[in-house]
Structure formats: C-alpha cells, structure tokens
Protein backbone atom coordinates (compact mmCIF):
# COMPACT_ATOMS: atom_id res chain seq x y z
CA MET A 1 10.28 -27.98 10.22
CA ASN A 2 8.48 -24.68 10.36
CA PRO A 3 5.53 -24.42 7.69
CA SER A 4 5.62 -19.91 8.34
CA SER A 5 9.47 -20.30 6.96
CA PRO A 6 10.11 -17.32 4.40
CA CYS A 7 9.99 -18.08 -0.10
CA GLU A 8 13.75 -19.06 0.02
CA GLY A 9 13.68 -21.48 2.95
CA GLN A 10 13.48 -21.60 6.60
CA ILE A 11 15.22 -19.17 8.97
CA PRO A 12 15.83 -19.88 12.28
CA GLU A 13 13.47 -18.44 15.14
CA GLY A 14 14.73 -16.44 17.49
CA ASP A 15 17.61 -14.02 18.83
CA PRO A 16 21.74 -15.03 19.26
CA PRO A 17 22.76 -15.55 22.84
CA ASP A 18 22.89 -13.54 25.39
CA ASP A 19 26.15 -13.89 25.61
CA TRP A 20 27.50 -13.91 22.55
CA PHE A 21 27.17 -10.41 21.81
CA HIS A 22 29.02 -10.41 25.33
CA LEU A 23 32.18 -12.13 24.63
CA SER A 24 31.71 -10.14 20.53
CA THR A 25 31.93 -7.17 22.27
CA MET A 26 35.22 -7.67 24.88
CA SER A 27 37.38 -9.18 21.99
CA LEU A 28 37.14 -5.52 20.64
CA GLY A 29 38.79 -4.52 23.46
CA THR A 30 43.16 -4.97 23.23
CA GLN A 31 44.68 -6.51 25.64
CA GLY A 32 47.07 -5.37 28.27
CA SER A 33 50.68 -6.82 29.36
CA ASP A 34 49.51 -7.70 32.09
CA GLY A 35 46.22 -9.58 30.14
CA SER A 36 43.45 -6.83 31.14
CA ARG A 37 41.30 -5.89 28.86
CA ASP A 38 40.90 -2.22 27.41
CA ASP A 39 37.58 -0.98 26.26
CA PRO A 40 37.64 0.32 22.64
CA GLU A 41 39.06 3.77 22.56
CA GLU A 42 35.93 5.99 22.01
CA PRO A 43 31.82 4.91 22.84
CA GLU A 44 30.39 6.23 18.93
CA GLU A 45 33.57 3.12 17.54
CA ARG A 46 32.06 0.67 20.42
CA GLY A 47 28.92 1.44 18.79
CA ARG A 48 29.79 1.07 15.22
CA LEU A 49 31.98 -2.10 15.76
CA LYS A 50 29.02 -3.67 17.74
CA SER A 51 26.56 -2.25 14.75
CA LYS A 52 28.52 -4.66 12.41
CA LEU A 53 28.47 -7.57 14.77
CA VAL A 54 24.92 -7.19 14.89
CA SER A 55 24.44 -6.62 11.42
CA ALA A 56 27.01 -10.22 10.32
CA TRP A 57 24.86 -12.12 12.83
CA ASN A 58 21.71 -11.02 11.14
CA ASN A 59 23.13 -11.33 7.56
CA VAL A 60 23.97 -14.55 8.69
CA LYS A 61 20.53 -15.77 10.37
CA TYR A 62 17.69 -14.44 7.93
CA GLY A 63 20.75 -16.45 4.89
CA TRP A 64 20.29 -19.95 5.36
CA SER A 65 18.47 -21.43 2.95
CA PHE A 66 16.30 -24.53 3.41
CA LYS A 67 14.27 -25.69 0.35
CA SER A 68 11.21 -26.67 1.58
CA LYS A 69 7.58 -26.66 -0.61
CA ALA A 70 4.22 -25.53 0.91
CA ARG A 71 0.82 -28.08 0.19
CA PHE A 72 -1.97 -26.73 -1.01
CA SER A 73 -5.62 -28.36 -1.31
CA LYS A 74 -6.14 -29.28 -5.19
CA THR A 75 -9.68 -28.93 -3.79
CA SER A 76 -10.83 -25.18 -1.85
CA PRO A 77 -9.92 -22.62 -4.14
CA LEU A 78 -7.36 -20.40 -4.01
CA THR A 79 -8.00 -16.06 -3.65
CA MET A 80 -5.30 -14.34 -4.82
CA LEU A 81 -5.65 -10.08 -5.23
CA GLY A 82 -9.34 -9.71 -7.00
CA GLN A 83 -8.90 -13.52 -8.75
CA SER A 84 -9.59 -16.70 -7.71
CA TYR A 85 -7.88 -20.31 -8.87
CA LEU A 86 -8.42 -23.79 -8.29
CA LEU A 87 -4.85 -25.95 -8.68
CA SER A 88 -6.56 -29.35 -9.59
CA HIS A 89 -6.67 -27.88 -13.11
CA GLY A 90 -4.16 -27.30 -14.75
CA VAL A 91 -4.73 -24.51 -17.01
CA GLU A 92 -5.44 -22.38 -13.70
CA ARG A 93 -2.78 -23.56 -11.70
CA GLU A 94 -0.14 -22.26 -14.25
CA CYS A 95 -2.22 -18.79 -14.15
CA PHE A 96 -1.86 -18.54 -10.33
CA ARG A 97 2.23 -19.35 -10.44
CA GLN A 98 2.43 -16.22 -13.65
CA ALA A 99 0.55 -14.29 -11.22
CA PHE A 100 1.98 -14.62 -8.06
CA ALA A 101 6.13 -15.07 -9.71
CA THR A 102 4.82 -11.35 -10.93
CA LEU A 103 4.37 -9.67 -7.68
CA LEU A 104 7.55 -7.76 -6.29
CA TRP A 105 9.86 -9.84 -3.44
CA LEU A 106 11.23 -6.61 -1.80
CA THR A 107 13.35 -8.27 1.48
CA TYR A 108 16.51 -8.39 3.00
CA ARG A 109 19.96 -6.60 1.11
CA ARG A 110 23.15 -6.98 2.11
CA GLY A 111 25.97 -4.39 0.84
CA PHE A 112 24.89 -1.30 0.26
CA PRO A 113 25.50 2.16 0.39
CA GLN A 114 25.92 3.14 3.72
CA LEU A 115 22.39 4.67 5.32
CA ASP A 116 22.54 8.34 5.91
CA GLY A 117 23.28 8.55 10.28
CA SER A 118 24.57 4.99 10.50
CA SER A 119 26.66 2.64 9.33
CA LEU A 120 24.25 0.51 8.62
CA THR A 121 24.60 -1.00 4.96
CA THR A 122 21.80 -3.76 5.64
CA ASP A 123 18.46 -4.02 7.01
CA SER A 124 18.87 -7.93 7.83
CA GLY A 125 17.49 -7.60 11.35
CA TRP A 126 14.87 -4.57 11.57
CA GLY A 127 13.79 -3.81 7.97
CA CYS A 128 10.87 -6.24 7.01
CA MET A 129 8.13 -3.59 8.00
CA LEU A 130 9.22 -1.35 5.19
CA ARG A 131 10.59 -4.38 3.06
CA SER A 132 6.41 -5.16 3.65
CA GLY A 133 5.37 -1.53 2.83
CA GLN A 134 7.27 -1.39 -0.08
CA MET A 135 5.22 -4.08 -1.95
CA LEU A 136 2.92 -2.93 -1.29
CA LEU A 137 3.91 0.46 -3.19
CA ALA A 138 5.34 -1.92 -5.74
CA GLN A 139 1.90 -3.69 -6.07
CA GLY A 140 0.04 -0.15 -7.25
CA LEU A 141 2.47 0.69 -9.29
CA LEU A 142 2.55 -2.22 -11.72
CA LEU A 143 -1.47 -1.94 -11.38
CA HIS A 144 -1.36 1.44 -12.21
CA LEU A 145 1.27 1.20 -15.21
CA LEU A 146 0.83 -1.97 -16.83
CA PRO A 147 -1.75 -3.45 -19.01
CA PRO A 148 -4.54 -5.65 -17.00
CA GLY A 149 -3.95 -8.38 -16.02
CA TRP A 150 -0.25 -8.16 -17.62
CA THR A 151 2.49 -10.86 -16.24
CA TRP A 152 5.85 -10.91 -15.95
CA LEU A 153 7.30 -13.13 -18.89
CA SER A 154 9.96 -14.98 -17.34
CA ALA A 155 7.65 -15.81 -13.89
CA ASN A 156 7.61 -19.32 -15.93
CA HIS A 157 11.27 -19.92 -15.09
CA VAL A 158 10.82 -18.57 -11.81
CA SER A 159 7.85 -20.37 -10.83
CA LYS A 160 8.78 -24.06 -11.48
CA ASP A 161 6.96 -26.80 -9.49
CA ASP A 162 7.71 -25.18 -5.91
CA MET A 163 3.89 -26.29 -4.51
CA GLU A 164 2.44 -29.82 -3.42
CA VAL A 165 -0.25 -29.94 -6.40
CA GLN A 166 -0.65 -32.18 -9.09
CA GLU A 167 2.13 -31.50 -12.05
CA SER A 168 0.01 -29.10 -14.58
CA ARG A 169 -0.52 -30.37 -18.17
CA SER A 170 1.08 -28.78 -21.16
CA LEU A 171 -0.07 -25.23 -22.05
CA GLY A 172 0.39 -26.08 -25.88
CA PRO A 173 2.73 -27.33 -28.72
CA GLU A 174 6.44 -26.95 -27.58
CA VAL A 175 8.51 -23.68 -28.72
CA THR A 176 10.60 -24.42 -31.02
CA LYS A 177 14.32 -22.91 -31.00
CA LYS A 178 13.21 -20.25 -33.69
CA GLY A 179 10.55 -19.05 -31.46
CA ARG A 180 11.82 -19.16 -28.91
CA ARG A 181 14.76 -16.60 -30.30
CA LYS A 182 11.64 -14.46 -31.49
CA SER A 183 10.56 -14.72 -27.04
CA ILE A 184 13.57 -13.14 -26.61
CA VAL A 185 13.67 -10.25 -28.87
CA SER A 186 10.22 -9.57 -28.68
CA PHE A 187 10.92 -10.00 -24.00
CA LEU A 188 13.63 -7.28 -24.22
CA GLU A 189 11.53 -5.15 -26.61
CA SER A 190 8.49 -5.64 -24.53
CA ARG A 191 7.33 -1.32 -24.00
CA THR A 192 5.30 -3.65 -20.92
CA GLU A 193 9.06 -5.17 -20.09
CA VAL A 194 11.05 -1.50 -19.59
CA THR A 195 8.41 -0.52 -17.67
CA HIS A 196 8.28 -3.24 -15.22
CA ARG A 197 12.53 -3.22 -15.63
CA ARG A 198 11.14 0.44 -14.07
CA VAL A 199 9.67 0.06 -11.18
CA VAL A 200 11.56 -2.85 -9.90
CA SER A 201 14.89 -0.13 -10.13
CA TRP A 202 12.90 2.30 -7.99
CA PHE A 203 13.34 -0.08 -4.83
CA GLY A 204 16.87 -0.34 -5.64
CA ASP A 205 19.16 -0.09 -2.58
CA HIS A 206 20.78 2.84 -3.64
CA PRO A 207 20.23 6.83 -2.97
CA ILE A 208 19.05 7.02 -5.87
CA ALA A 209 15.65 5.33 -5.83
CA PRO A 210 12.46 6.97 -5.04
CA PHE A 211 11.13 3.85 -2.96
CA GLY A 212 13.94 2.29 -1.52
CA LEU A 213 15.33 1.70 2.00
CA HIS A 214 17.60 4.38 1.68
CA GLN A 215 14.43 7.33 0.94
CA LEU A 216 11.85 5.49 2.68
CA VAL A 217 14.53 6.29 6.46
CA GLU A 218 14.99 9.41 5.46
CA GLN A 219 10.98 10.01 5.45
CA GLY A 220 10.52 8.31 8.85
CA THR A 221 13.22 10.61 10.46
CA SER A 222 10.09 13.16 10.96
CA ALA A 223 8.04 10.51 13.20
CA GLY A 224 10.85 9.87 14.96
CA LYS A 225 12.33 7.01 13.19
CA LYS A 226 16.12 6.51 12.16
CA ALA A 227 17.38 3.59 10.53
CA GLY A 228 18.34 -0.03 12.44
CA ASP A 229 14.44 1.03 14.08
CA TRP A 230 11.61 -0.95 14.15
CA TYR A 231 8.46 0.40 11.80
CA GLY A 232 4.69 -0.67 12.56
CA PRO A 233 2.03 -0.61 9.93
CA SER A 234 0.90 3.16 10.69
CA ILE A 235 3.93 4.20 10.53
CA VAL A 236 5.10 2.77 6.78
CA ALA A 237 1.57 3.93 5.63
CA HIS A 238 2.75 7.53 6.20
CA ILE A 239 6.57 6.95 4.51
CA LEU A 240 5.23 5.62 1.92
CA ARG A 241 2.23 8.37 1.25
CA LYS A 242 5.33 10.74 2.09
CA ALA A 243 7.55 8.72 -0.43
CA VAL A 244 4.94 8.93 -3.52
CA ASP A 245 4.26 12.96 -2.19
CA ALA A 246 8.21 13.37 -3.67
CA ALA A 247 8.69 11.06 -6.26
CA SER A 248 5.99 13.10 -8.22
CA ALA A 249 8.98 13.55 -11.21
CA GLU A 250 8.96 9.29 -11.68
CA VAL A 251 5.72 8.86 -10.77
CA SER A 252 3.00 11.22 -11.96
CA ASN A 253 -0.60 11.05 -11.73
CA LEU A 254 -1.33 9.30 -8.63
CA THR A 255 -1.35 10.56 -4.80
CA VAL A 256 -1.67 8.27 -1.56
CA TYR A 257 -4.42 8.87 0.87
CA VAL A 258 -3.91 7.44 4.88
CA ALA A 259 -7.25 7.15 6.26
CA GLN A 260 -7.61 8.59 9.07
CA ASP A 261 -9.11 6.55 12.90
CA CYS A 262 -9.93 4.29 10.69
CA THR A 263 -11.84 6.11 8.40
CA VAL A 264 -12.16 6.81 4.70
CA TYR A 265 -13.51 9.99 3.36
CA ILE A 266 -14.41 10.35 0.82
CA ASP A 267 -14.19 14.16 0.69
CA ASP A 268 -10.25 14.17 1.43
CA VAL A 269 -10.03 11.41 -0.90
CA VAL A 270 -11.45 13.64 -4.15
CA ARG A 271 -9.85 16.36 -3.07
CA LEU A 272 -6.53 14.64 -2.83
CA CYS A 273 -7.91 13.38 -6.81
CA GLU A 274 -9.29 16.37 -8.27
CA ARG A 275 -7.07 17.86 -11.36
CA PRO A 276 -7.35 21.08 -11.86
CA LEU A 277 -8.61 21.82 -15.15
CA SER A 278 -5.47 23.52 -17.20
CA GLU A 279 -6.48 26.78 -18.77
CA GLY A 280 -8.18 26.73 -21.78
CA SER A 281 -8.59 23.11 -21.72
CA THR A 282 -12.59 22.21 -21.68
CA GLY A 283 -14.70 19.75 -20.09
CA PRO A 284 -17.52 18.17 -17.18
CA SER A 285 -15.60 17.67 -14.66
CA PRO A 286 -11.46 17.88 -13.61
CA ALA A 287 -8.61 15.70 -14.59
CA TRP A 288 -8.44 13.20 -11.75
CA LYS A 289 -5.21 11.32 -10.40
CA SER A 290 -5.18 7.27 -9.63
CA VAL A 291 -4.72 6.51 -5.28
CA ILE A 292 -3.63 4.07 -3.57
CA ILE A 293 -5.69 4.54 0.03
CA LEU A 294 -3.97 2.78 2.42
CA VAL A 295 -6.26 2.06 5.69
CA PRO A 296 -4.21 1.23 9.35
CA VAL A 297 -5.67 -1.25 11.33
CA ARG A 298 -6.26 -2.65 14.44
CA LEU A 299 -8.26 -6.56 14.12
CA GLY A 300 -8.44 -7.13 17.86
CA GLY A 301 -6.29 -7.19 21.38
CA GLU A 302 -3.42 -8.92 21.75
CA VAL A 303 -4.59 -11.59 19.22
CA LEU A 304 -6.84 -11.70 16.38
CA ASN A 305 -10.90 -11.28 17.06
CA THR A 306 -11.72 -13.91 14.50
CA THR A 307 -14.59 -12.33 14.06
CA TYR A 308 -12.82 -10.51 11.32
CA ILE A 309 -11.99 -13.00 9.24
CA LYS A 310 -14.62 -13.03 6.58
CA CYS A 311 -14.24 -9.45 5.87
CA VAL A 312 -11.02 -10.13 5.65
CA LYS A 313 -11.25 -12.82 3.73
CA ASN A 314 -13.98 -9.79 1.72
CA LEU A 315 -11.36 -7.34 1.03
CA LEU A 316 -8.39 -9.82 -0.36
CA ARG A 317 -11.35 -10.95 -3.03
CA LEU A 318 -11.55 -7.60 -4.99
CA GLU A 319 -9.38 -6.34 -7.08
CA CYS A 320 -9.07 -3.12 -6.00
CA CYS A 321 -7.18 -5.09 -2.94
CA ILE A 322 -3.29 -4.39 -3.18
CA GLY A 323 -2.70 -6.32 -0.41
CA ILE A 324 -2.28 -6.10 3.99
CA ILE A 325 1.46 -5.09 5.29
CA GLY A 326 1.24 -7.09 9.40
CA GLY A 327 1.69 -10.70 9.80
CA LYS A 328 2.61 -12.21 13.33
CA PRO A 329 4.04 -11.30 15.75
CA LYS A 330 7.57 -9.41 15.53
CA HIS A 331 7.46 -11.29 12.11
CA SER A 332 6.19 -8.54 9.35
CA LEU A 333 4.56 -10.24 6.03
CA PHE A 334 2.73 -9.71 3.10
CA PHE A 335 -0.46 -10.80 2.69
CA VAL A 336 -1.52 -11.58 -0.45
CA GLY A 337 -4.44 -13.54 -0.82
CA TYR A 338 -5.53 -17.36 1.16
CA GLN A 339 -6.74 -20.08 1.17
CA ASP A 340 -9.39 -21.86 3.38
CA GLU A 341 -8.50 -20.84 6.89
CA GLN A 342 -4.79 -19.72 5.69
CA LEU A 343 -3.05 -16.93 4.43
CA LEU A 344 -0.81 -16.48 2.23
CA TYR A 345 1.42 -14.07 1.90
CA LEU A 346 5.51 -13.11 0.60
CA ASP A 347 8.09 -13.02 3.37
CA PRO A 348 11.09 -10.60 3.63
CA HIS A 349 13.00 -12.28 5.95
CA TYR A 350 15.81 -13.40 3.37
CA SER A 351 18.60 -11.79 3.30
CA GLN A 352 20.38 -11.04 -0.27
CA TRP A 353 22.83 -9.07 -1.75
CA THR A 354 22.50 -6.22 -2.97
CA VAL A 355 21.77 -5.75 -7.34
CA ASP A 356 23.28 -2.70 -8.96
CA ILE A 357 20.34 -1.39 -10.00
CA THR A 358 22.46 1.14 -11.77
CA GLN A 359 23.82 -0.56 -14.11
CA ASP A 360 21.63 -1.16 -17.18
CA ASN A 361 19.62 -4.66 -18.06
CA PHE A 362 21.13 -5.70 -13.62
CA PRO A 363 19.47 -9.24 -13.23
CA LEU A 364 15.67 -8.89 -12.06
CA GLU A 365 14.96 -12.96 -10.39
CA SER A 366 16.25 -11.70 -7.32
CA PHE A 367 13.19 -9.56 -6.64
CA HIS A 368 9.70 -12.61 -7.70
CA CYS A 369 9.42 -15.43 -5.47
CA LYS A 370 9.13 -18.94 -6.59
CA CYS A 371 7.60 -20.51 -3.85
CA PRO A 372 4.19 -18.53 -1.93
CA ARG A 373 3.79 -20.21 1.19
CA LYS A 374 1.30 -19.88 3.51
CA ILE A 375 -0.14 -18.93 7.00
CA SER A 376 -2.81 -19.46 9.24
CA PHE A 377 -5.25 -16.95 9.95
CA SER A 378 -5.02 -17.08 14.36
CA ARG A 379 -1.66 -16.24 14.15
CA MET A 380 -1.65 -13.36 12.16
CA ASP A 381 -1.03 -10.42 14.67
CA PRO A 382 -4.05 -7.73 14.39
CA SER A 383 -1.50 -5.22 13.59
CA CYS A 384 -2.14 -4.25 10.12
CA THR A 385 -2.60 -1.81 7.45
CA ILE A 386 -5.23 -2.75 4.00
CA GLY A 387 -4.35 -0.83 0.74
CA PHE A 388 -6.49 -0.51 -2.17
CA TYR A 389 -6.20 1.48 -5.20
CA ALA A 390 -8.10 2.82 -8.17
CA LYS A 391 -6.76 4.56 -11.91
CA SER A 392 -10.10 6.79 -12.09
CA GLN A 393 -13.40 8.30 -10.18
CA LYS A 394 -15.43 5.44 -11.64
CA GLU A 395 -12.44 2.77 -9.70
CA PHE A 396 -12.90 5.25 -6.81
CA GLU A 397 -16.95 5.03 -6.59
CA LEU A 398 -17.30 1.50 -7.15
CA LEU A 399 -14.72 1.14 -4.48
CA CYS A 400 -16.20 2.59 -2.24
CA SER A 401 -19.04 0.26 -2.59
CA THR A 402 -17.86 -2.22 -3.09
CA VAL A 403 -15.61 -2.26 0.13
CA SER A 404 -17.84 -1.10 2.14
CA THR A 405 -19.71 -4.82 1.07
CA ALA A 406 -17.08 -6.50 2.07
CA LEU A 407 -16.46 -4.23 5.74
CA SER A 408 -20.87 -4.69 6.32
CA SER A 409 -19.97 -9.10 6.28
CA SER A 410 -18.48 -8.49 9.97
CA THR A 411 -20.57 -10.24 12.97
CA GLU A 412 -18.44 -7.88 14.78
CA LYS A 413 -20.65 -4.71 16.39
CA TYR A 414 -17.38 -2.63 15.16
CA PRO A 415 -16.48 -2.71 11.65
CA ILE A 416 -12.70 -2.46 10.56
CA PHE A 417 -12.71 0.40 9.42
CA THR A 418 -15.85 2.31 7.37
CA ILE A 419 -16.38 4.81 4.19
CA ALA A 420 -18.15 8.13 4.89
CA GLU A 421 -18.84 11.39 3.64
CA GLY A 422 -17.52 14.48 4.47
CA GLN A 423 -13.75 15.51 5.62
CA GLY A 424 -11.42 14.03 7.94
CA GLN A 425 -10.35 16.76 11.34
CA GLU A 426 -7.08 17.76 9.79
CA ASP A 427 -5.50 17.73 6.10
CA GLU A 428 -2.16 15.74 5.76
CA SER A 429 -0.93 17.64 2.67
CA ASP A 430 -0.40 20.34 3.93
CA ALA A 431 0.49 19.52 7.59
CA PRO A 432 3.69 20.29 9.23
CA PRO A 433 6.44 18.24 9.00
CA ASN A 434 5.49 16.46 12.21
CA SER A 435 2.45 15.63 11.33
CA ILE A 436 3.33 11.89 10.92
CA THR A 437 3.86 11.88 14.95
CA HIS A 438 0.81 13.97 15.76
CA ILE A 439 -1.26 11.48 14.17
CA LEU A 440 0.14 8.54 15.30
CA THR A 441 -0.25 9.66 18.57
CA LYS A 442 -3.96 10.60 18.01
CA ASP A 443 -4.45 7.17 16.71
CA LYS A 444 -2.89 5.36 19.90
CA ALA A 445 -5.25 7.59 22.09
CA ARG A 446 -8.11 6.12 20.34
CA LEU A 447 -6.56 2.74 19.73
CA ARG A 448 -5.92 2.61 23.93
CA ARG A 449 -9.86 4.62 24.66
CA THR A 450 -11.27 0.68 23.29
CA ASN A 451 -8.34 -1.88 24.56
CA ASN A 452 -6.46 -1.38 27.00
CA SER A 453 -3.84 -4.31 25.77
CA ASN A 454 -0.11 -3.56 25.88
CA SER A 455 0.58 -5.08 22.27
CA MET A 456 -0.44 -1.33 20.33
CA ASP A 457 0.15 -0.27 17.26
CA GLU A 458 3.93 -0.04 16.84
CA PHE A 459 4.78 -3.37 18.52
CA VAL A 460 8.11 -4.89 17.32
CA LEU A 461 8.67 -6.83 14.72
CA LEU A 462 11.40 -8.25 13.98
C-alpha cells in the first residue's frame, strides 16, 4: 500500500484508460436505423458532456477511502510550523494531535455551484494546487485573527489514534456530564470559535466566499488560467495576493507580498505594510499592516537538490513559517513539518461533498484532518512556494533575521532565496492586470538561464 496516501486514506494512482474516454464519448451519440452512431449535435455540447464524464471519473477516483496509519518515530522529534514535539511523551503527543487537527484541511469538493465559464461543479483532478494554496493562506489567517497557540476545541474529537505511536496517558480527571455540558456552552459562545468558523466560511465552495475556489479561479484569469486548468505554485502565490487585496473589507490590516526573482526586497515590504497615520493622530511612526510573504522557489532541476534539505528543515522550524505549497510530481501537497528525512503534509486529493457555508452552524469536521502523513524529502518536487507571516513591524524585522540565518545553512553556492535591502524592479500593486503573466515570464527566463530542465515552475499537477 502506498505510504503517501491522503489524509483519509489511499487514493488510486493514475488516469483512466484511454479507451474509457473513447467508449464513453461514443456512447453519447445516437444510434441510427442502420446501427451507426451519430456524434452529438454540437461540439460545445460534446465538450460539456465529456467534461461531466471526466469529473465523474475523478470524483470516484479521489473519493475512495482506505484507512491506514502513518508510522512516526517515538524517539526523533517531530517539527511542525515552528513547534517541536517528542511523541514518546504523552502530553507532547496530545499537543501535536490537537495542533495538527487545528490546521484547516481544504480538499477537492464536488456538487458546488457551477464555475464561471465552464460546466464544472467539482475540482477533482485539477484543483489540488489551488487547494494547497488555500491551506497556506488559511494558516496565515488563523495566526492573524486568533490568539497565539490557539487550538480548535473540537480537535480532540477529530484526532483519535491515527498515528502508530504508543497510546497517550490521561491528561486529567474524567470530565463529568455537567462539565461536558458547560464545555458545549463555552464552545458555542466562544469568540475564538466564532472567528474560526468565519475563517472556514471564507474558503467555502460558493461564489460569495472571498477565498473559495470560485474567487481564486476568477483571479487566475489574468494569468490566462481557467477552471479545469492546472496551476503551478508560483501562479497560485500571485492569485492569493490578488484575492487578499480584493477581500480588504473582510480581512482588514493584512497584505500579501510575493517575492520577485527569489528575492524578498525589504523596502517593498515596508511600503506595503506602512499605513499613513490618520489626520490628527499622533505617534512616532505610521501604523503597520500584518503581512504574509510568499516566496516561489525552485530547489533544483528535475529533482530536488539534496543540499537544500537542511535549509528547508530550518525554515519549517521557524514560528514565522506558515508552510510550503508544492508536492511530488503531478501531485500537489501542503507541507507543514518534518520528522527525520520525511516531510509532514496535508493532502487535498480527497473528494468530499460541498458544505453549504451560507447555513448557520454548518459542519466543520470535513475541514480538519485527523490523519498526519509523511513523504520522503527525495520525492519532493523542486518547484514550490514558501510562506511566512509577520503580525507587526517588530515581527517582520525578526523574520528577516531568522530567515536569513536559516538560509545560510545551505552548502549550495546559491541560496534558496535572499532577503535584500532596496526595492524590486517593479511595483506589483501598480502593475497592469496582465502583470502576473509578465512576472512569471520573467521568472521562467531567469530559470532557463541557470537550468536547462524541461520541468520549469509551471509543471503539470494532478
């Protein structure tokens, strides 16, 4: 059985046989009196029907669930988004379970309102990188809006015995029925839980959700992308930036910066984050927006350059790191940590029915994963985007220092990326609508000068 299967179990690899499409599309015709079959009336109609057949196949392919447990070492520390856990210790293991189950898990969905410009009502088979991007952004939003160290109160009910490690000891006396009843009331009335639910709703599969699939697909049109296309980690970084800019009414005091040419320009970040003081206000300096920094990088040619592994580990040990969107070839994943020589990840390749986020108290369980999974560093595709978050100017200054130290650990002549004083060559916020395409073209040109690989940033992901 495949150890790199998604959170809810194993998904069959590969595409349907070629003759499956041939036979399916043939069956869409009508049979004449002589036994022959006519094509559907219009090519457009034939395209819609084929799209529905492919979607149906992907829903089946990614809807199977076989429960299996990932094996974790009891002696090696497990690092996840700046925190370290030793799973042989019962308390630390429970802390890890709760922290992992608190992460938002955004997967393929089916049965949502039709995407503009298509007949698609599911993203199964093509939207995995967008889902990984959603998870990265969601982690940044949870840090932005909720108290440090916050965990989802229902995480204990989601994360039961899905790791092959020693059973944990009790963390305290048994809760009485009365105490349980008080906990439910506290849960419903908790402001943090209300905020958590609101963040989840922002990623719902509905046109009104500011970071839902409908909005992300729309933001991708300026890069020449449409529903059903495959997306690379660099394009997704720019799509997330545009989505956050467009959602300023819902998410205040937050901006997104996307690095240019593998360089984070400090002056550009400062210009984005500094807000002029309102008229009549006093203070030594302008107000400061929180910032999510996204850095599209390539960690090698066709395969991962192993000299970068230590550096990736160091970055995932930082509290300012919010994860990495990338994956293995043709399979996007959201990396959140590591243990020894294996990466810890959330997998979007599981097709679930759409949850109606417009309803009060919509169920939250399907947005949280109970099964941590690992994959060897050697299987990681070199093309990825690394995310960071800084709430304040002081945190941004600390981020620049700690990230630079982590980057210097690589023995490779060229670092993964750099943090530099000064400004980039262009201001993305004032760029024309087609600027994403221009930026990505420039990035590809730079990569071609240093690498003749055919597997550039926009590799195909399924």
